[in-house]
Amino acid sequence: VLPGCSFDFLYAFDVFPHLDLHTVWKYMQRIRDLLRPGGRAFLSLADVTAPGGWARFARQRHASVGGFCFLCPEIVECLVRRCGLETERQSRQVGEGLLGLNVGVESERGSGAECEA
């Protein structure tokens, strides 16, 4: 990403399940910095509290890129709030154990700069 760029919308599907918690935190901070004021992001995460998520977690011996690194909605919400973002909506795909999260910029942290492709 070019310096000074910001975006109205960011999308990350099937990325966060392959990242450890500290890396997820870094990505959340970067998402906050890249979103314009009023910007939105959609993130998918692996939810250990969902029946399908627990079943998949129980089958794994350890977290790996080939497997999933699981979170729960409460941890995700904590990360979102600590970044100065807010959750607009959560949607669960219970069978798969995925948690869809729409987040938005709560503060004026985004740069507001336009980015040319």
Foldseek 3Di string as FASTA:
>chain_A
DDPLAADQEEEEEPPQQQDAPVVVLVVLLVNLQRHAAFHKYKYKFQACPFPLSVVQVVPDPDRHNVGTHHDHPVSVQVSCVVSQKHWPDWDDPRNNRMIMTMIHHNDRNYSPGHDDD
